[in-house]
């Protein structure tokens, strides 16, 4: 039963830390744009890659 006196304050401290980290992430803009990264993977970015040279292209 004495462990309750340790676990309850420990859980409240962990809860306060989790809430603090959440508000820090919101303040620093971690949740500003949730849609663009999910759609960015669908775009074809082959124009940015260097072109491959085949050995048959050279004389």
Protein backbone atom coordinates (compact mmCIF):
# COMPACT_ATOMS: atom_id res chain seq x y z
CA UNK A 1 0.00 0.00 0.00
CA UNK A 2 2.94 2.34 0.59
CA UNK A 3 3.88 2.12 -3.09
CA UNK A 4 0.75 4.16 -3.91
CA UNK A 5 2.41 7.16 -2.24
CA UNK A 6 5.23 6.87 -4.77
CA UNK A 7 3.30 5.88 -7.89
CA UNK A 8 0.59 8.55 -7.78
CA UNK A 9 3.03 11.52 -7.62
CA UNK A 10 5.27 9.82 -10.19
CA UNK A 11 2.36 9.41 -12.59
CA UNK A 12 1.36 13.06 -12.10
CA UNK A 13 4.93 14.17 -12.85
CA UNK A 14 5.02 12.04 -16.01
CA UNK A 15 1.66 13.44 -17.07
CA UNK A 16 2.92 17.00 -16.56
CA UNK A 17 6.05 16.24 -18.62
CA UNK A 18 3.96 14.75 -21.45
CA UNK A 19 1.64 17.77 -21.49
CA UNK A 20 4.65 20.10 -21.45
CA UNK A 21 6.24 18.31 -24.41
CA UNK A 22 2.94 18.46 -26.31
CA UNK A 23 2.55 22.21 -25.80
CA UNK A 24 6.22 22.75 -26.72
CA UNK A 25 5.66 20.85 -29.99
CA UNK A 26 2.52 22.88 -30.78
CA UNK A 27 4.34 26.15 -30.04
CA UNK A 28 7.26 25.21 -32.31
CA UNK A 29 5.00 24.39 -35.27
CA UNK A 30 5.24 20.61 -35.32
CA UNK A 31 1.52 20.29 -36.11
CA UNK A 32 1.14 23.19 -38.56
CA UNK A 33 0.95 21.24 -41.82
CA UNK A 34 -0.26 17.68 -41.46
CA UNK A 35 -1.43 17.12 -45.06
CA UNK A 36 1.49 18.12 -47.29
CA UNK A 37 3.96 15.41 -46.19
CA UNK A 38 1.37 12.73 -46.90
CA UNK A 39 0.74 14.05 -50.42
CA UNK A 40 4.38 14.86 -51.17
CA UNK A 41 5.24 11.18 -51.60
CA UNK A 42 2.81 10.95 -54.52
CA UNK A 43 4.66 13.53 -56.62
CA UNK A 44 7.30 12.39 -59.08
CA UNK A 45 10.62 14.11 -58.38
CA UNK A 46 12.67 12.53 -61.17
CA UNK A 47 13.49 15.95 -62.62
CA UNK A 48 15.74 16.68 -59.64
CA UNK A 49 17.82 13.52 -60.04
CA UNK A 50 20.98 13.50 -62.15
CA UNK A 51 20.61 11.63 -65.41
CA UNK A 52 22.22 8.23 -65.78
CA UNK A 53 24.71 7.67 -68.56
CA UNK A 54 24.68 4.27 -70.19
CA UNK A 55 27.88 2.83 -71.59
CA UNK A 56 26.08 2.49 -74.97
CA UNK A 57 25.69 6.30 -75.14
CA UNK A 58 29.42 6.85 -75.39
CA UNK A 59 31.34 6.24 -78.60
